[in-house]
Amino acid sequence: MGSARISRSHWLALAGLVATLAIAAASCDPAQARVKSKRDHHRPRAIHGPNYHPPYADIVVDDKSGLVLHEVSADEPRHPASLTKIMTLYLLFEQLEAGKLSLDTELPISTRAALQNPTKLGLKPNQTIKVEDAIKGLVTKSANDAAVVVAEAIGGSEEDFAKLMTAKAGALGMLGTTYVNASGLPAEAQITTARDQAILGRAVQHRFPVYYQYFATPSFRYKGAEMRNHNNLLGQVKGVDGIKTGYTEASGYNLTSSVRRDEKHIVAVVLGGTSNGARDARMRQLIEAHILQASTQRTAPIMVEANGQDGAHQDGAHQDNARPDGANVVAVSPATPNAEPPAAERADAAVASAKADPVPVPRPRLQAAKLPASASKQAASIQAPATRAQRTTAKASTLGVLQDISALRQTRHVERNVGSSAPLH
C-alpha cells in the first residue's frame, strides 16, 4: 500500500513537471519567433523565382568608329528603369554649362519629391539640397527623390520636365525613347531601346566631359549616411568609368557601361538581366569579347543635337558635316547580322576579372553664376542652349544612317507586367 502511494506521488510529480515545462516552452515560443523573424529579416531575400525572365536586349558600340560591334534585339522596346536618370542628368548638366545653375545652388524639395518610392536620400519637404549633392545622390544611390527635385527645378513640374527629356531624346536621334518621369519608376509608356541608351551613353560624355566624371563616383556621404555606387563594375573591370544601373520588375536589371582601355573606347548596354550578378557577368563578357575589336582612331563624328543648339554649329562651323536634309548625325551604325543568342546573358564571365585602374573624380570647377532663390522658377521654364564650341568632327559620310525606329515602336509592344514592391535602383 505504501509503495503504491509512493509510485502515485512520483507519477503526480512527474506529470506536474511535464506540464510546467510545456507551459514554459509555450511562453518562450513567441520570443523565439520574434528573434528568428528579426534575424531572418536581415538575411538577403530572393526577389524572383527561377522563372523570372524579363525581355532581354544588348548592344556594344565602338565610340571612335561608331560601329556596332555586337547587338541582340537592340531596337526592341524596353523599359529603361533608372537609366532614365542619365537623361535627367544630361538636362541638369546643360543648366550648369549655361550658368543657370551652379554646383552650390540650393534646390527646393517639394512634398511630392520627398514622397517618392525608394531608393531615395530621404529628403524632407520645404528644405533644400545642393545641386552637387543631388548629382551624387543620382549617380550612387540612384535617388528618386533627388530626381524629382531636379525635374521640378528645371521643368517646373516633373511632367513638363519629362517632355523636355523626350524632346532631347529626339534631338539626339533616340527615336525609340519616350520619357514619362525623371526617375525611371514604373510607367507603362516609358520606353527605350538598347541602341538609344548607347546613343545617350556616348552623347553625355561628348557633350559634358567634365561633368561626366561624376558617374565614376564610388560612394557618397549625405547627412551622415554612406551610399555606395550601385555600379559594381567600377573598380572591378579595367577601364570602366561609368555610367548607370537600373531595375524595375518589368525592365529587369539594366546597365550602361563605358570602358576606356588601350586608347579604345566602347559603350555597352545590357537590358533585362535576371539579377544583378547575371547582368554584371553578361556585361563583363561583352566588354572582354569586343574591346579588342574597337578602333584606336576616331573616324566617327562627335555627337551633336539635331536642333542645332551646339554653339559652333550655330556659327556655321563645320557645315560640311551637316546632312542636306537637316537630319541629325548620330554616330551609331545600323544593325549587324552577327548577333549572339541572349542565352549567353546568364553565363559566367570568368575572363573579365581584371582590376580597374583607379579613376580620379575631381570636382568640376567651372565659373557659373549662382541662381538666386527668387529665380528658381525662372530657371524651371528654360531649356538651356548649349554654349560649347563645336567639337572637331569627321565626315558624316563615314556613317550608316540610323534605322527608322519610329515604325518599330508602332508594331511592337512592351511587356505590360509593370509593378513590384522591390526598390528601383
Protein backbone atom coordinates (compact mmCIF):
# COMPACT_ATOMS: atom_id res chain seq x y z
CA MET A 1 0.00 0.00 0.00
CA GLY A 2 2.85 2.36 0.90
CA SER A 3 4.70 1.57 -2.28
CA ALA A 4 1.59 2.35 -4.31
CA ARG A 5 1.28 5.75 -2.67
CA ILE A 6 4.95 6.45 -3.45
CA SER A 7 4.50 5.46 -7.08
CA ARG A 8 1.38 7.60 -7.37
CA SER A 9 3.14 10.57 -5.81
CA HIS A 10 6.08 10.15 -8.14
CA TRP A 11 3.72 9.99 -11.10
CA LEU A 12 1.94 13.15 -9.99
CA ALA A 13 5.27 14.94 -9.56
CA LEU A 14 6.41 13.84 -13.00
CA ALA A 15 3.14 14.93 -14.57
CA GLY A 16 3.43 18.32 -12.88
CA LEU A 17 6.99 18.72 -14.17
CA VAL A 18 5.92 17.90 -17.73
CA ALA A 19 3.07 20.40 -17.52
CA THR A 20 5.40 23.09 -16.19
CA LEU A 21 7.87 22.51 -19.00
CA ALA A 22 5.09 22.62 -21.60
CA ILE A 23 3.82 25.95 -20.27
CA ALA A 24 7.34 27.37 -20.17
CA ALA A 25 8.01 26.21 -23.71
CA ALA A 26 4.77 27.75 -24.94
CA SER A 27 5.59 31.05 -23.28
CA CYS A 28 9.04 31.08 -24.90
CA ASP A 29 7.84 30.40 -28.44
CA PRO A 30 6.70 33.97 -29.22
CA ALA A 31 10.03 35.40 -28.06
CA GLN A 32 11.95 32.86 -30.10
CA ALA A 33 9.74 33.57 -33.08
CA ARG A 34 10.43 37.29 -32.75
CA VAL A 35 14.18 36.68 -32.56
CA LYS A 36 14.04 34.34 -35.56
CA SER A 37 11.91 36.78 -37.51
CA LYS A 38 14.27 39.63 -36.73
CA ARG A 39 17.27 37.53 -37.70
CA ASP A 40 15.65 36.39 -40.94
CA HIS A 41 14.66 39.95 -41.77
CA HIS A 42 18.30 40.88 -42.23
CA ARG A 43 19.10 37.95 -44.46
CA PRO A 44 19.18 38.69 -48.19
CA ARG A 45 15.95 37.58 -49.81
CA ALA A 46 15.47 36.45 -53.37
CA ILE A 47 13.09 38.78 -55.16
CA HIS A 48 12.43 36.50 -58.10
CA GLY A 49 11.78 32.85 -58.72
CA PRO A 50 13.58 30.70 -61.29
CA ASN A 51 11.04 31.61 -63.98
CA TYR A 52 11.85 35.34 -63.94
CA HIS A 53 12.99 36.20 -67.47
CA PRO A 54 12.39 39.85 -68.43
CA PRO A 55 12.80 40.70 -72.13
CA TYR A 56 16.49 40.90 -72.97
CA ALA A 57 18.49 43.23 -75.24
CA ASP A 58 22.07 44.41 -75.52
CA ILE A 59 24.45 46.35 -77.73
CA VAL A 60 28.17 47.20 -77.88
CA VAL A 61 29.23 50.32 -79.81
CA ASP A 62 32.75 51.42 -80.71
CA ASP A 63 32.69 55.09 -79.75
CA LYS A 64 35.55 56.09 -82.05
CA SER A 65 34.26 54.45 -85.22
CA GLY A 66 30.55 54.50 -84.43
CA LEU A 67 30.28 50.85 -85.47
CA VAL A 68 28.08 48.36 -83.66
CA LEU A 69 30.34 45.51 -82.58
CA HIS A 70 27.55 43.33 -81.23
CA GLU A 71 23.80 43.52 -80.64
CA VAL A 72 20.78 41.47 -79.57
CA SER A 73 17.28 42.94 -80.03
CA ALA A 74 18.83 46.41 -79.93
CA ASP A 75 15.77 48.14 -81.43
CA GLU A 76 13.11 46.30 -79.43
CA PRO A 77 11.20 48.49 -76.92
CA ARG A 78 12.19 48.04 -73.29
CA HIS A 79 11.63 49.89 -70.01
CA PRO A 80 14.71 51.96 -69.05
CA ALA A 81 14.24 51.89 -65.24
CA SER A 82 16.89 54.12 -63.62
CA LEU A 83 18.82 54.52 -66.87
CA THR A 84 16.24 57.31 -67.17
CA LYS A 85 18.37 59.33 -64.75
CA ILE A 86 21.13 59.64 -67.36
CA MET A 87 18.84 61.94 -69.33
CA THR A 88 17.80 63.73 -66.14
CA LEU A 89 21.45 64.49 -65.50
CA TYR A 90 22.04 65.42 -69.15
CA LEU A 91 19.49 68.24 -68.80
CA LEU A 92 20.93 69.26 -65.43
CA PHE A 93 24.43 69.43 -66.93
CA GLU A 94 23.02 71.74 -69.61
CA GLN A 95 21.84 74.12 -66.91
CA LEU A 96 25.25 74.03 -65.24
CA GLU A 97 27.06 74.60 -68.51
CA ALA A 98 24.85 77.58 -69.35
CA GLY A 99 25.36 79.15 -65.91
CA LYS A 100 21.70 78.94 -64.98
CA LEU A 101 22.60 76.75 -62.02
CA SER A 102 25.84 76.14 -60.13
CA LEU A 103 27.06 73.16 -58.15
CA ASP A 104 26.28 75.08 -54.95
CA THR A 105 22.77 76.17 -55.94
CA GLU A 106 20.21 75.09 -53.33
CA LEU A 107 17.24 73.34 -54.96
CA PRO A 108 13.88 73.36 -53.13
CA ILE A 109 12.43 69.99 -52.03
CA SER A 110 8.70 69.62 -52.60
CA THR A 111 6.38 67.27 -50.76
CA ARG A 112 5.92 65.34 -54.00
CA ALA A 113 9.67 64.82 -54.31
CA ALA A 114 10.01 63.72 -50.69
CA LEU A 115 7.23 61.13 -51.10
CA GLN A 116 8.87 59.24 -53.96
CA ASN A 117 9.32 55.49 -53.58
CA PRO A 118 12.77 54.07 -52.75
CA THR A 119 15.53 54.14 -53.43
CA LYS A 120 15.97 57.69 -52.18
CA LEU A 121 18.02 60.02 -49.98
CA GLY A 122 15.18 60.63 -47.52
CA LEU A 123 14.82 64.30 -48.43
CA LYS A 124 12.45 66.41 -46.32
CA PRO A 125 9.84 68.77 -47.80
CA ASN A 126 10.39 72.52 -47.54
CA GLN A 127 14.15 72.03 -47.24
CA THR A 128 16.82 72.29 -49.94
CA ILE A 129 19.60 70.20 -51.44
CA LYS A 130 22.68 71.42 -53.27
CA VAL A 131 22.95 70.61 -56.97
CA GLU A 132 26.20 68.72 -56.44
CA ASP A 133 24.63 66.58 -53.70
CA ALA A 134 21.69 65.85 -55.98
CA ILE A 135 24.08 64.75 -58.75
CA LYS A 136 25.99 62.43 -56.43
CA GLY A 137 22.76 61.06 -54.99
CA LEU A 138 21.56 60.25 -58.51
CA VAL A 139 24.74 58.50 -59.68
CA THR A 140 25.36 56.49 -56.48
CA LYS A 141 22.11 55.85 -54.61
CA SER A 142 20.01 56.38 -57.74
CA ALA A 143 17.81 58.56 -55.57
CA ASN A 144 14.28 59.01 -56.89
CA ASP A 145 13.52 61.96 -54.60
CA ALA A 146 16.59 63.82 -55.91
CA ALA A 147 15.47 63.12 -59.50
CA VAL A 148 12.13 64.83 -58.88
CA VAL A 149 13.85 67.79 -57.19
CA VAL A 150 15.97 68.29 -60.32
CA ALA A 151 12.96 67.85 -62.60
CA GLU A 152 10.89 70.45 -60.77
CA ALA A 153 13.77 72.94 -60.62
CA ILE A 154 14.33 72.79 -64.39
CA GLY A 155 10.91 71.94 -65.81
CA GLY A 156 8.59 73.46 -63.23
CA SER A 157 6.89 70.06 -62.84
CA GLU A 158 8.04 66.50 -63.40
CA GLU A 159 5.50 66.10 -66.21
CA ASP A 160 6.84 69.12 -68.10
CA PHE A 161 10.41 68.01 -67.43
CA ALA A 162 9.62 64.61 -68.96
CA LYS A 163 8.51 66.42 -72.12
CA LEU A 164 11.89 68.17 -72.23
CA MET A 165 13.58 64.79 -71.77
CA THR A 166 11.66 63.24 -74.67
CA ALA A 167 12.39 66.26 -76.88
CA LYS A 168 16.09 65.98 -76.07
CA ALA A 169 15.98 62.26 -76.88
CA GLY A 170 14.55 63.12 -80.29
CA ALA A 171 17.24 65.74 -80.88
CA LEU A 172 19.90 63.11 -80.16
CA GLY A 173 18.34 60.61 -82.55
CA MET A 174 16.86 58.42 -79.81
CA LEU A 175 13.74 57.78 -81.85
CA GLY A 176 12.64 54.76 -79.81
CA THR A 177 12.58 56.55 -76.47
CA THR A 178 9.72 58.23 -74.60
CA TYR A 179 10.12 59.57 -71.07
CA VAL A 180 7.27 59.89 -68.57
CA ASN A 181 9.16 60.72 -65.38
CA ALA A 182 12.63 61.76 -64.23
CA SER A 183 13.44 58.73 -62.09
CA GLY A 184 12.56 55.64 -64.11
CA LEU A 185 9.98 54.43 -61.61
CA PRO A 186 7.47 52.06 -63.30
CA ALA A 187 5.47 53.71 -66.07
CA GLU A 188 3.99 51.69 -68.92
CA ALA A 189 4.55 54.40 -71.54
CA GLN A 190 8.19 55.00 -70.58
CA ILE A 191 10.18 53.02 -73.14
CA THR A 192 13.59 52.98 -74.78
CA THR A 193 15.89 50.68 -76.74
CA ALA A 194 19.40 49.38 -76.17
CA ARG A 195 20.57 51.36 -79.23
CA ASP A 196 19.07 54.56 -77.85
CA GLN A 197 20.77 54.08 -74.49
CA ALA A 198 24.09 53.61 -76.25
CA ILE A 199 23.49 56.91 -78.06
CA LEU A 200 22.79 58.65 -74.75
CA GLY A 201 25.73 56.99 -73.02
CA ARG A 202 28.05 58.38 -75.69
CA ALA A 203 26.39 61.77 -76.05
CA VAL A 204 26.60 62.68 -72.36
CA GLN A 205 30.37 62.10 -72.50
CA HIS A 206 30.88 64.03 -75.73
CA ARG A 207 28.83 67.00 -74.55
CA PHE A 208 29.87 67.15 -70.88
CA PRO A 209 33.31 65.54 -70.45
CA VAL A 210 33.92 67.27 -67.10
CA TYR A 211 30.53 66.62 -65.51
CA TYR A 212 30.51 63.07 -66.88
CA GLN A 213 33.20 62.20 -64.32
CA TYR A 214 30.53 62.20 -61.62
CA PHE A 215 29.33 58.85 -62.97
CA ALA A 216 32.55 57.32 -61.59
CA THR A 217 31.80 58.45 -58.02
CA PRO A 218 32.40 55.30 -55.93
CA SER A 219 30.49 56.46 -52.85
CA PHE A 220 28.72 59.47 -51.40
CA ARG A 221 28.10 60.58 -47.82
CA TYR A 222 24.93 62.60 -47.24
CA LYS A 223 23.87 63.71 -43.77
CA GLY A 224 25.97 61.03 -42.14
CA ALA A 225 24.81 58.16 -44.37
CA GLU A 226 27.31 56.46 -46.68
CA MET A 227 25.98 55.36 -50.07
CA ARG A 228 27.94 53.15 -52.44
CA ASN A 229 27.56 53.28 -56.20
CA HIS A 230 25.24 50.53 -57.48
CA ASN A 231 27.55 50.03 -60.48
CA ASN A 232 29.56 47.04 -59.28
CA LEU A 233 31.91 47.13 -62.28
CA LEU A 234 33.52 50.39 -61.15
CA GLY A 235 36.88 49.48 -59.70
CA GLN A 236 36.45 45.83 -60.72
CA VAL A 237 36.75 45.78 -64.50
CA LYS A 238 39.72 47.55 -66.06
CA GLY A 239 38.81 50.75 -67.85
CA VAL A 240 35.19 51.07 -66.69
CA ASP A 241 34.50 54.75 -65.95
CA GLY A 242 30.67 54.70 -65.55
CA ILE A 243 27.81 55.00 -66.07
CA LYS A 244 24.45 53.74 -64.63
CA THR A 245 22.40 50.81 -63.40
CA GLY A 246 18.63 50.38 -63.29
CA TYR A 247 15.96 47.95 -62.16
CA THR A 248 12.20 47.51 -62.11
CA GLU A 249 10.22 44.28 -62.21
CA ALA A 250 9.18 44.93 -65.80
CA SER A 251 12.60 46.02 -67.06
CA GLY A 252 14.82 43.51 -65.33
CA TYR A 253 18.35 44.50 -64.36
CA ASN A 254 19.80 47.14 -66.70
CA LEU A 255 23.29 48.58 -67.09
CA THR A 256 25.04 51.04 -69.38
CA SER A 257 28.84 50.85 -69.20
CA SER A 258 31.62 52.95 -70.67
CA VAL A 259 35.09 51.41 -71.00
CA ARG A 260 38.35 53.11 -71.96
CA ARG A 261 41.29 50.77 -72.42
CA ASP A 262 44.45 50.97 -74.54
CA GLU A 263 43.22 54.07 -76.43
CA LYS A 264 39.97 52.30 -77.25
CA HIS A 265 36.53 53.34 -76.05
CA ILE A 266 33.33 51.30 -76.13
CA VAL A 267 29.85 51.88 -74.71
CA ALA A 268 27.79 48.79 -73.93
CA VAL A 269 24.20 48.35 -72.78
CA VAL A 270 22.52 45.34 -71.19
CA LEU A 271 18.75 45.43 -70.66
CA GLY A 272 16.72 42.72 -68.96
CA GLY A 273 19.22 40.86 -66.81
CA THR A 274 17.70 38.31 -64.44
CA SER A 275 19.73 39.53 -61.45
CA ASN A 276 22.47 41.98 -60.58
CA GLY A 277 25.03 39.20 -60.82
CA ALA A 278 23.79 37.85 -64.16
CA ARG A 279 23.66 41.36 -65.64
CA ASP A 280 27.17 42.20 -64.44
CA ALA A 281 28.55 38.88 -65.70
CA ARG A 282 26.99 39.47 -69.11
CA MET A 283 28.45 42.97 -69.27
CA ARG A 284 31.89 41.62 -68.39
CA GLN A 285 31.56 39.11 -71.22
CA LEU A 286 30.58 41.78 -73.73
CA ILE A 287 33.45 44.04 -72.70
CA GLU A 288 36.12 41.37 -72.92
CA ALA A 289 34.74 39.87 -76.13
CA HIS A 290 34.57 43.15 -78.06
CA ILE A 291 37.03 45.69 -76.65
CA LEU A 292 39.79 44.24 -78.85
CA GLN A 293 37.69 44.95 -81.94
CA ALA A 294 37.42 48.65 -81.16
CA SER A 295 39.39 51.30 -83.06
CA THR A 296 42.14 53.48 -81.64
CA GLN A 297 41.50 56.24 -84.19
CA ARG A 298 38.40 58.44 -84.26
CA THR A 299 36.60 58.25 -87.59
CA ALA A 300 33.06 58.94 -86.33
CA PRO A 301 31.91 62.48 -85.63
CA ILE A 302 31.34 63.70 -82.11
CA MET A 303 27.61 63.54 -81.46
CA VAL A 304 25.62 66.74 -81.86
CA GLU A 305 21.95 67.56 -81.46
CA ALA A 306 19.57 67.96 -84.37
CA ASN A 307 18.17 71.22 -83.03
CA GLY A 308 21.46 73.00 -83.69
CA GLN A 309 21.99 74.09 -80.08
CA ASP A 310 25.71 73.47 -80.29
CA GLY A 311 27.32 76.90 -80.29
CA ALA A 312 29.77 76.43 -83.15
CA HIS A 313 27.10 74.76 -85.22
CA GLN A 314 25.03 77.91 -84.85
CA ASP A 315 28.02 79.92 -86.03
CA GLY A 316 28.19 77.87 -89.21
CA ALA A 317 31.33 75.91 -88.35
CA HIS A 318 31.87 72.50 -89.92
CA GLN A 319 28.88 72.85 -92.17
CA ASP A 320 30.46 70.29 -94.49
CA ASN A 321 29.40 67.66 -91.97
CA ALA A 322 25.72 68.64 -91.98
CA ARG A 323 23.15 66.35 -93.53
CA PRO A 324 21.44 68.05 -96.52
CA ASP A 325 18.02 67.00 -95.24
CA GLY A 326 18.65 68.65 -91.86
CA ALA A 327 18.50 65.33 -90.02
CA ASN A 328 20.69 64.67 -87.02
CA VAL A 329 24.05 62.99 -87.43
CA VAL A 330 24.20 60.09 -84.98
CA ALA A 331 27.41 58.11 -84.65
CA VAL A 332 25.78 54.70 -84.26
CA SER A 333 25.69 52.43 -87.28
CA PRO A 334 22.72 50.24 -88.26
CA ALA A 335 22.13 46.71 -87.07
CA THR A 336 24.68 43.99 -87.68
CA PRO A 337 23.72 40.43 -88.61
CA ASN A 338 26.06 38.54 -86.25
CA ALA A 339 24.02 38.80 -83.06
CA GLU A 340 24.71 36.28 -80.33
CA PRO A 341 21.91 34.36 -78.63
CA PRO A 342 20.54 36.02 -75.48
CA ALA A 343 21.05 32.81 -73.51
CA ALA A 344 24.65 33.92 -73.02
CA GLU A 345 23.29 36.63 -70.72
CA ARG A 346 23.20 34.11 -67.90
CA ALA A 347 26.72 32.75 -68.44
CA ASP A 348 29.64 33.49 -66.15
CA ALA A 349 32.32 35.87 -67.42
CA ALA A 350 35.39 34.48 -65.70
CA VAL A 351 37.74 36.11 -68.19
CA ALA A 352 36.79 39.58 -67.01
CA SER A 353 38.36 39.59 -63.57
CA ALA A 354 41.00 42.27 -64.22
CA LYS A 355 41.05 45.03 -61.62
CA ALA A 356 40.45 48.56 -62.82
CA ASP A 357 42.97 51.31 -62.64
CA PRO A 358 41.70 53.97 -60.22
CA VAL A 359 39.55 56.60 -61.90
CA PRO A 360 40.06 60.08 -60.45
CA VAL A 361 36.88 62.05 -59.88
CA PRO A 362 37.87 65.70 -59.49
CA ARG A 363 35.16 68.14 -58.55
CA PRO A 364 34.43 70.29 -61.61
CA ARG A 365 35.46 73.89 -61.07
CA LEU A 366 33.53 75.98 -63.53
CA GLN A 367 32.68 79.63 -63.20
CA ALA A 368 28.89 79.52 -63.08
CA ALA A 369 26.55 82.15 -61.75
CA LYS A 370 24.69 81.08 -58.62
CA LEU A 371 20.95 81.11 -59.15
CA PRO A 372 19.16 83.35 -56.64
CA ALA A 373 16.40 81.70 -54.65
CA SER A 374 13.83 84.01 -56.21
CA ALA A 375 14.86 82.91 -59.68
CA SER A 376 14.48 79.17 -59.22
CA LYS A 377 11.12 79.14 -61.00
CA GLN A 378 12.52 81.20 -63.87
CA ALA A 379 15.17 78.60 -64.47
CA ALA A 380 12.48 75.97 -64.43
CA SER A 381 10.94 77.07 -67.70
CA ILE A 382 14.19 77.49 -69.60
CA GLN A 383 15.84 74.76 -71.55
CA ALA A 384 19.44 75.91 -71.60
CA PRO A 385 21.01 76.43 -75.01
CA ALA A 386 24.40 74.90 -75.45
CA THR A 387 27.34 77.29 -75.28
CA ARG A 388 30.15 74.86 -76.06
CA ALA A 389 32.35 75.26 -79.13
CA GLN A 390 31.63 72.71 -81.86
CA ARG A 391 33.79 69.65 -81.44
CA THR A 392 36.02 68.55 -84.29
CA THR A 393 34.02 66.13 -86.41
CA ALA A 394 34.82 63.64 -89.11
CA LYS A 395 32.86 63.45 -92.33
CA ALA A 396 29.27 62.35 -91.83
CA SER A 397 29.59 60.23 -94.96
CA THR A 398 31.56 57.68 -92.96
CA LEU A 399 28.42 56.75 -91.03
CA GLY A 400 25.48 54.49 -91.84
CA VAL A 401 22.08 56.05 -91.41
CA LEU A 402 20.32 55.20 -88.13
CA GLN A 403 17.35 52.90 -88.77
CA ASP A 404 13.91 54.39 -88.52
CA ILE A 405 12.84 53.12 -85.12
CA SER A 406 9.56 55.03 -85.10
CA ALA A 407 7.91 52.34 -87.22
CA LEU A 408 9.20 49.64 -84.90
CA ARG A 409 7.55 51.27 -81.92
CA GLN A 410 4.17 51.17 -83.64
CA THR A 411 4.34 47.46 -84.35
CA ARG A 412 5.99 46.09 -81.21
CA HIS A 413 4.52 46.02 -77.76
CA VAL A 414 6.13 46.48 -74.39
CA GLU A 415 5.56 43.85 -71.74
CA ARG A 416 2.71 45.12 -69.62
CA ASN A 417 3.60 43.45 -66.36
CA VAL A 418 4.70 46.62 -64.59
CA GLY A 419 4.72 46.54 -60.86
CA SER A 420 6.93 45.50 -58.00
CA SER A 421 7.48 46.28 -54.38
CA ALA A 422 11.21 45.95 -54.90
CA PRO A 423 13.12 49.27 -54.85
CA LEU A 424 14.25 50.83 -58.10
CA HIS A 425 17.97 51.41 -58.50
